[in-house]
Every structure is written in C-alpha cells, then in structure tokens.
PDB file of N, CA and C in Angstrom:
ATOM      1  N   MET A   1       0.817  -1.073  -0.304  1.00  0.00           N
ATOM      2  CA  MET A   1       0.179   0.210   0.008  1.00  0.00           C
ATOM      3  C   MET A   1       1.069   1.286   0.244  1.00  0.00           C
ATOM      4  N   ALA A   2       0.251   2.237  -1.007  1.00  0.00           N
ATOM      5  CA  ALA A   2       1.028   3.908  -0.623  1.00  0.00           C
ATOM      6  C   ALA A   2       1.327   4.089  -0.095  1.00  0.00           C
ATOM      7  N   ASP A   3       2.063   5.130   0.816  1.00  0.00           N
ATOM      8  CA  ASP A   3       2.540   6.033   2.021  1.00  0.00           C
ATOM      9  C   ASP A   3       1.249   6.610   1.605  1.00  0.00           C
ATOM     10  N   PRO A   4       0.625   7.671   2.885  1.00  0.00           N
ATOM     11  CA  PRO A   4      -0.314   8.483   2.464  1.00  0.00           C
ATOM     12  C   PRO A   4       0.194   9.482   1.882  1.00  0.00           C
ATOM     13  N   GLY A   5       1.180   9.902   2.158  1.00  0.00           N
ATOM     14  CA  GLY A   5       2.365  11.249   1.817  1.00  0.00           C
ATOM     15  C   GLY A   5       2.834  10.753   0.468  1.00  0.00           C
ATOM     16  N   ALA A   6       2.465   9.861  -0.411  1.00  0.00           N
ATOM     17  CA  ALA A   6       3.260   9.880  -1.676  1.00  0.00           C
ATOM     18  C   ALA A   6       2.600  11.520  -2.633  1.00  0.00           C
ATOM     19  N   GLU A   7       3.786  11.675  -3.239  1.00  0.00           N
ATOM     20  CA  GLU A   7       3.290  12.541  -4.359  1.00  0.00           C
ATOM     21  C   GLU A   7       2.599  12.094  -5.491  1.00  0.00           C
ATOM     22  N   SER A   8       1.587  12.521  -5.803  1.00  0.00           N
ATOM     23  CA  SER A   8       0.918  11.979  -7.154  1.00  0.00           C
ATOM     24  C   SER A   8       1.519  12.486  -8.601  1.00  0.00           C
ATOM     25  N   GLN A   9       2.315  11.961  -9.232  1.00  0.00           N
ATOM     26  CA  GLN A   9       3.019  12.098 -10.685  1.00  0.00           C
ATOM     27  C   GLN A   9       1.475  12.630 -11.539  1.00  0.00           C
ATOM     28  N   GLY A  10       0.404  11.427 -11.526  1.00  0.00           N
ATOM     29  CA  GLY A  10      -0.391  11.806 -12.862  1.00  0.00           C
ATOM     30  C   GLY A  10      -1.212  10.219 -12.579  1.00  0.00           C
ATOM     31  N   TRP A  11      -2.016   9.973 -13.365  1.00  0.00           N
ATOM     32  CA  TRP A  11      -2.715   8.620 -13.757  1.00  0.00           C
ATOM     33  C   TRP A  11      -2.824   8.646 -15.498  1.00  0.00           C
ATOM     34  N   ILE A  12      -2.826   7.737 -15.991  1.00  0.00           N
ATOM     35  CA  ILE A  12      -3.291   7.174 -17.008  1.00  0.00           C
ATOM     36  C   ILE A  12      -4.598   6.704 -16.943  1.00  0.00           C
ATOM     37  N   ASP A  13      -5.910   7.497 -18.112  1.00  0.00           N
ATOM     38  CA  ASP A  13      -6.705   6.433 -18.041  1.00  0.00           C
ATOM     39  C   ASP A  13      -6.723   5.398 -19.076  1.00  0.00           C
ATOM     40  N   CYS A  14      -7.823   4.138 -18.404  1.00  0.00           N
ATOM     41  CA  CYS A  14      -7.475   2.677 -19.401  1.00  0.00           C
ATOM     42  C   CYS A  14      -8.532   2.800 -19.185  1.00  0.00           C
ATOM     43  N   HIS A  15      -8.805   0.839 -19.101  1.00  0.00           N
ATOM     44  CA  HIS A  15      -9.842   0.417 -19.473  1.00  0.00           C
ATOM     45  C   HIS A  15      -9.560  -1.317 -18.965  1.00  0.00           C
ATOM     46  N   ASP A  16     -10.318  -2.032 -18.206  1.00  0.00           N
ATOM     47  CA  ASP A  16      -9.604  -3.758 -17.537  1.00  0.00           C
ATOM     48  C   ASP A  16     -10.507  -4.220 -18.815  1.00  0.00           C
ATOM     49  N   PRO A  17     -10.417  -5.943 -18.587  1.00  0.00           N
ATOM     50  CA  PRO A  17     -10.609  -6.541 -19.698  1.00  0.00           C
ATOM     51  C   PRO A  17     -12.135  -6.364 -20.485  1.00  0.00           C
ATOM     52  N   PHE A  18     -13.120  -5.900 -19.425  1.00  0.00           N
ATOM     53  CA  PHE A  18     -14.610  -5.854 -19.554  1.00  0.00           C
ATOM     54  C   PHE A  18     -15.217  -4.724 -20.030  1.00  0.00           C
ATOM     55  N   GLY A  19     -13.722  -3.884 -20.365  1.00  0.00           N
ATOM     56  CA  GLY A  19     -14.333  -2.449 -20.671  1.00  0.00           C
ATOM     57  C   GLY A  19     -14.958  -0.818 -20.091  1.00  0.00           C
ATOM     58  N   ARG A  20     -14.640  -1.622 -18.741  1.00  0.00           N
ATOM     59  CA  ARG A  20     -15.012  -0.641 -18.127  1.00  0.00           C
ATOM     60  C   ARG A  20     -13.853   0.359 -17.266  1.00  0.00           C
ATOM     61  N   ASP A  21     -13.897   1.361 -17.416  1.00  0.00           N
ATOM     62  CA  ASP A  21     -13.217   2.775 -17.099  1.00  0.00           C
ATOM     63  C   ASP A  21     -12.647   2.474 -15.825  1.00  0.00           C
ATOM     64  N   ARG A  22     -11.212   2.367 -16.090  1.00  0.00           N
ATOM     65  CA  ARG A  22     -10.210   2.286 -14.801  1.00  0.00           C
ATOM     66  C   ARG A  22      -9.119   3.707 -15.388  1.00  0.00           C
ATOM     67  N   SER A  23      -7.706   3.473 -14.272  1.00  0.00           N
ATOM     68  CA  SER A  23      -6.612   4.246 -14.248  1.00  0.00           C
ATOM     69  C   SER A  23      -5.428   3.632 -13.607  1.00  0.00           C
ATOM     70  N   VAL A  24      -4.684   3.647 -14.231  1.00  0.00           N
ATOM     71  CA  VAL A  24      -3.078   3.961 -13.747  1.00  0.00           C
ATOM     72  C   VAL A  24      -2.833   4.789 -12.952  1.00  0.00           C
ATOM     73  N   SER A  25      -2.465   5.089 -11.612  1.00  0.00           N
ATOM     74  CA  SER A  25      -1.376   5.815 -11.481  1.00  0.00           C
ATOM     75  C   SER A  25      -0.484   5.893 -10.931  1.00  0.00           C
ATOM     76  N   VAL A  26       0.882   6.593 -11.134  1.00  0.00           N
ATOM     77  CA  VAL A  26       2.031   7.013 -10.893  1.00  0.00           C
ATOM     78  C   VAL A  26       2.491   7.806  -9.863  1.00  0.00           C
ATOM     79  N   LEU A  27       2.830   7.260  -8.888  1.00  0.00           N
ATOM     80  CA  LEU A  27       3.587   8.223  -7.494  1.00  0.00           C
ATOM     81  C   LEU A  27       4.692   8.096  -6.999  1.00  0.00           C
ATOM     82  N   ILE A  28       5.500   9.103  -6.314  1.00  0.00           N
ATOM     83  CA  ILE A  28       6.712   8.838  -5.837  1.00  0.00           C
ATOM     84  C   ILE A  28       6.372   8.985  -4.389  1.00  0.00           C
ATOM     85  N   GLU A  29       7.333   8.062  -3.793  1.00  0.00           N
ATOM     86  CA  GLU A  29       7.430   7.629  -2.198  1.00  0.00           C
ATOM     87  C   GLU A  29       8.740   7.502  -2.001  1.00  0.00           C
ATOM     88  N   ARG A  30       9.184   8.021  -1.259  1.00  0.00           N
ATOM     89  CA  ARG A  30      10.655   8.235  -0.188  1.00  0.00           C
ATOM     90  C   ARG A  30      11.247   8.153  -1.520  1.00  0.00           C
ATOM     91  N   ASN A  31      11.552   8.326  -2.582  1.00  0.00           N
ATOM     92  CA  ASN A  31      12.353   8.317  -3.685  1.00  0.00           C
ATOM     93  C   ASN A  31      12.611   6.746  -4.608  1.00  0.00           C
ATOM     94  N   ARG A  32      11.462   6.070  -4.591  1.00  0.00           N
ATOM     95  CA  ARG A  32      10.637   5.292  -5.135  1.00  0.00           C
ATOM     96  C   ARG A  32       9.682   5.154  -6.419  1.00  0.00           C
ATOM     97  N   VAL A  33       9.559   5.478  -7.492  1.00  0.00           N
ATOM     98  CA  VAL A  33       8.291   5.060  -7.892  1.00  0.00           C
ATOM     99  C   VAL A  33       7.302   4.251  -7.848  1.00  0.00           C
ATOM    100  N   LEU A  34       6.064   4.493  -7.898  1.00  0.00           N
ATOM    101  CA  LEU A  34       5.497   3.341  -7.774  1.00  0.00           C
ATOM    102  C   LEU A  34       3.629   3.527  -8.683  1.00  0.00           C
ATOM    103  N   LEU A  35       4.059   2.402  -8.706  1.00  0.00           N
ATOM    104  CA  LEU A  35       2.810   2.289  -9.838  1.00  0.00           C
ATOM    105  C   LEU A  35       1.864   1.419  -9.589  1.00  0.00           C
ATOM    106  N   VAL A  36       0.873   2.346  -9.700  1.00  0.00           N
ATOM    107  CA  VAL A  36      -0.418   1.233  -9.009  1.00  0.00           C
ATOM    108  C   VAL A  36      -1.694   1.079 -10.209  1.00  0.00           C
ATOM    109  N   ALA A  37      -1.900  -0.248 -10.042  1.00  0.00           N
ATOM    110  CA  ALA A  37      -2.459  -0.752 -11.524  1.00  0.00           C
ATOM    111  C   ALA A  37      -4.421  -0.671 -10.432  1.00  0.00           C
ATOM    112  N   PRO A  38      -5.415  -0.526 -10.969  1.00  0.00           N
ATOM    113  CA  PRO A  38      -6.600  -1.031 -10.717  1.00  0.00           C
ATOM    114  C   PRO A  38      -6.504  -2.128  -9.363  1.00  0.00           C
ATOM    115  N   PRO A  39      -7.131  -1.880  -8.236  1.00  0.00           N
ATOM    116  CA  PRO A  39      -7.025  -3.463  -8.029  1.00  0.00           C
ATOM    117  C   PRO A  39      -7.572  -4.617  -7.926  1.00  0.00           C
ATOM    118  N   GLY A  40      -6.855  -5.642  -7.938  1.00  0.00           N
ATOM    119  CA  GLY A  40      -7.223  -7.101  -8.427  1.00  0.00           C
ATOM    120  C   GLY A  40      -7.899  -7.184  -9.748  1.00  0.00           C
ATOM    121  N   GLU A  41      -7.078  -6.121 -10.739  1.00  0.00           N
ATOM    122  CA  GLU A  41      -7.792  -6.358 -12.526  1.00  0.00           C
ATOM    123  C   GLU A  41      -6.687  -5.797 -13.064  1.00  0.00           C
ATOM    124  N   SER A  42      -6.880  -6.032 -14.525  1.00  0.00           N
ATOM    125  CA  SER A  42      -5.653  -5.938 -15.105  1.00  0.00           C
ATOM    126  C   SER A  42      -6.155  -4.350 -15.940  1.00  0.00           C
ATOM    127  N   ALA A  43      -4.861  -3.675 -16.409  1.00  0.00           N
ATOM    128  CA  ALA A  43      -5.051  -2.654 -17.604  1.00  0.00           C
ATOM    129  C   ALA A  43      -4.974  -3.226 -18.445  1.00  0.00           C
ATOM    130  N   VAL A  44      -6.176  -2.633 -19.254  1.00  0.00           N
ATOM    131  CA  VAL A  44      -5.874  -2.423 -21.026  1.00  0.00           C
ATOM    132  C   VAL A  44      -5.634  -1.272 -21.504  1.00  0.00           C
ATOM    133  N   LEU A  45      -4.239  -0.894 -21.901  1.00  0.00           N
ATOM    134  CA  LEU A  45      -3.277   0.391 -22.300  1.00  0.00           C
ATOM    135  C   LEU A  45      -4.001  -0.043 -23.942  1.00  0.00           C
ATOM    136  N   SER A  46      -4.365   1.595 -24.722  1.00  0.00           N
ATOM    137  CA  SER A  46      -3.770   1.294 -26.482  1.00  0.00           C
ATOM    138  C   SER A  46      -2.384   1.601 -26.570  1.00  0.00           C
ATOM    139  N   ALA A  47      -2.127   1.428 -27.843  1.00  0.00           N
ATOM    140  CA  ALA A  47      -0.584   2.030 -28.679  1.00  0.00           C
ATOM    141  C   ALA A  47      -0.432   3.299 -27.463  1.00  0.00           C
ATOM    142  N   THR A  48      -1.369   4.522 -27.507  1.00  0.00           N
ATOM    143  CA  THR A  48      -1.367   5.727 -27.290  1.00  0.00           C
ATOM    144  C   THR A  48      -0.836   5.998 -25.812  1.00  0.00           C
ATOM    145  N   GLN A  49      -1.890   5.265 -24.973  1.00  0.00           N
ATOM    146  CA  GLN A  49      -2.219   4.959 -23.514  1.00  0.00           C
ATOM    147  C   GLN A  49      -0.725   4.867 -23.029  1.00  0.00           C
ATOM    148  N   THR A  50       0.145   3.735 -23.903  1.00  0.00           N
ATOM    149  CA  THR A  50       1.073   3.418 -23.589  1.00  0.00           C
ATOM    150  C   THR A  50       1.875   4.395 -23.280  1.00  0.00           C
ATOM    151  N   ARG A  51       2.246   4.681 -24.395  1.00  0.00           N
ATOM    152  CA  ARG A  51       3.131   6.248 -24.715  1.00  0.00           C
ATOM    153  C   ARG A  51       3.147   6.903 -23.849  1.00  0.00           C
ATOM    154  N   ARG A  52       1.495   7.565 -23.702  1.00  0.00           N
ATOM    155  CA  ARG A  52       1.408   8.502 -22.452  1.00  0.00           C
ATOM    156  C   ARG A  52       1.953   7.916 -20.829  1.00  0.00           C
ATOM    157  N   LEU A  53       2.503   6.682 -20.617  1.00  0.00           N
ATOM    158  CA  LEU A  53       2.734   6.111 -19.376  1.00  0.00           C
ATOM    159  C   LEU A  53       3.819   6.298 -19.197  1.00  0.00           C
ATOM    160  N   HIS A  54       4.193   5.522 -20.688  1.00  0.00           N
ATOM    161  CA  HIS A  54       6.371   5.941 -20.739  1.00  0.00           C
ATOM    162  C   HIS A  54       6.448   6.828 -20.277  1.00  0.00           C
ATOM    163  N   ARG A  55       6.247   7.974 -20.752  1.00  0.00           N
ATOM    164  CA  ARG A  55       6.456   9.350 -20.515  1.00  0.00           C
ATOM    165  C   ARG A  55       6.306   9.932 -18.979  1.00  0.00           C
ATOM    166  N   LEU A  56       5.117   9.322 -18.540  1.00  0.00           N
ATOM    167  CA  LEU A  56       4.809   9.981 -17.003  1.00  0.00           C
ATOM    168  C   LEU A  56       5.899   8.740 -16.014  1.00  0.00           C
ATOM    169  N   LEU A  57       6.524   7.963 -16.447  1.00  0.00           N
ATOM    170  CA  LEU A  57       7.288   6.878 -15.769  1.00  0.00           C
ATOM    171  C   LEU A  57       8.875   7.804 -15.962  1.00  0.00           C
ATOM    172  N   ASP A  58       8.853   8.392 -17.202  1.00  0.00           N
ATOM    173  CA  ASP A  58      10.002   8.648 -17.474  1.00  0.00           C
ATOM    174  C   ASP A  58      10.293   9.981 -16.641  1.00  0.00           C
ATOM    175  N   LYS A  59       9.669  10.717 -16.539  1.00  0.00           N
ATOM    176  CA  LYS A  59       9.550  12.004 -15.478  1.00  0.00           C
ATOM    177  C   LYS A  59       9.399  11.454 -14.107  1.00  0.00           C
ATOM    178  N   ALA A  60       8.519  10.919 -14.035  1.00  0.00           N
ATOM    179  CA  ALA A  60       8.477  10.397 -12.427  1.00  0.00           C
ATOM    180  C   ALA A  60      10.379   9.896 -11.950  1.00  0.00           C
ATOM    181  N   ALA A  61      11.010   9.228 -13.054  1.00  0.00           N
ATOM    182  CA  ALA A  61      12.025   8.370 -12.868  1.00  0.00           C
ATOM    183  C   ALA A  61      13.023   9.554 -12.799  1.00  0.00           C
ATOM    184  N   ASP A  62      13.336  10.579 -13.675  1.00  0.00           N
ATOM    185  CA  ASP A  62      13.813  11.706 -13.591  1.00  0.00           C
ATOM    186  C   ASP A  62      14.065  12.737 -12.096  1.00  0.00           C
ATOM    187  N   SER A  63      12.690  12.724 -11.620  1.00  0.00           N
ATOM    188  CA  SER A  63      12.422  13.298 -10.264  1.00  0.00           C
ATOM    189  C   SER A  63      13.005  12.590  -8.824  1.00  0.00           C
ATOM    190  N   VAL A  64      13.168  11.667  -9.555  1.00  0.00           N
ATOM    191  CA  VAL A  64      14.012  10.636  -8.134  1.00  0.00           C
ATOM    192  C   VAL A  64      15.790  10.053  -8.229  1.00  0.00           C
ATOM    193  N   ALA A  65      16.170  11.170  -7.307  1.00  0.00           N
ATOM    194  CA  ALA A  65      17.436  10.894  -7.050  1.00  0.00           C
ATOM    195  C   ALA A  65      17.890   9.220  -6.398  1.00  0.00           C
ATOM    196  N   PRO A  66      18.710   8.571  -7.253  1.00  0.00           N
ATOM    197  CA  PRO A  66      19.424   7.157  -6.339  1.00  0.00           C
ATOM    198  C   PRO A  66      19.981   7.635  -5.364  1.00  0.00           C
ATOM    199  N   THR A  67      19.825   6.611  -4.378  1.00  0.00           N
ATOM    200  CA  THR A  67      20.418   6.874  -2.822  1.00  0.00           C
ATOM    201  C   THR A  67      20.969   5.502  -2.706  1.00  0.00           C
ATOM    202  N   ALA A  68      21.751   5.065  -1.332  1.00  0.00           N
ATOM    203  CA  ALA A  68      22.784   4.186  -1.529  1.00  0.00           C
ATOM    204  C   ALA A  68      22.089   3.309  -1.354  1.00  0.00           C
ATOM    205  N   ASP A  69      20.623   2.972  -0.525  1.00  0.00           N
ATOM    206  CA  ASP A  69      19.849   2.115  -0.606  1.00  0.00           C
ATOM    207  C   ASP A  69      19.382   1.454  -1.342  1.00  0.00           C
ATOM    208  N   HIS A  70      18.947   2.329  -2.447  1.00  0.00           N
ATOM    209  CA  HIS A  70      18.580   1.788  -4.023  1.00  0.00           C
ATOM    210  C   HIS A  70      18.982   2.593  -4.790  1.00  0.00           C
ATOM    211  N   PRO A  71      20.558   2.056  -5.526  1.00  0.00           N
ATOM    212  CA  PRO A  71      20.927   2.627  -6.228  1.00  0.00           C
ATOM    213  C   PRO A  71      21.005   2.863  -7.853  1.00  0.00           C
ATOM    214  N   GLU A  72      21.010   3.420  -8.752  1.00  0.00           N
ATOM    215  CA  GLU A  72      20.101   3.775  -9.861  1.00  0.00           C
ATOM    216  C   GLU A  72      21.174   2.347 -10.973  1.00  0.00           C
ATOM    217  N   THR A  73      20.110   1.958 -11.415  1.00  0.00           N
ATOM    218  CA  THR A  73      21.068   0.584 -12.082  1.00  0.00           C
ATOM    219  C   THR A  73      20.651   0.919 -13.382  1.00  0.00           C
TER     220      THR A  73
END
C-alpha cells in the first residue's frame, strides 16, 4: 500500500478487460516510483496510452534521485 504522503505524478485512463473505465496511477514515495494498477484487475492500454504511461514513468524516474539503499541500475 502506498504511503499517504506519496506524491502523485499523474495517471493514465485505461479500461479493464471488460471495458470498464479504470486508471493506472504513478506516485513518488521516498525516492521510489510506484505504479498503481486497478486493484485485482488488469489494465488494458492502447498504444497511445502506453506511450503516455512511458512518458509519465520517465518523468517520475527523473525526479527521483538514486540513494545508497537503492542505487540506480
């Protein structure tokens, strides 16, 4: 579970396998990037949504500095 103090970087609208509206969220928590998918479900993304998620994750990764406990690989 994400820390209540986690900073939201954004979200991508998507669907579950049954076509219901869902979203995938990207958070920053203590120098880590968290990808939060719909609970207990799959997230179905189009090619455009996948590219948006890529850019959002890239932006989040750039804002997280590597630490001694979690050096960048």
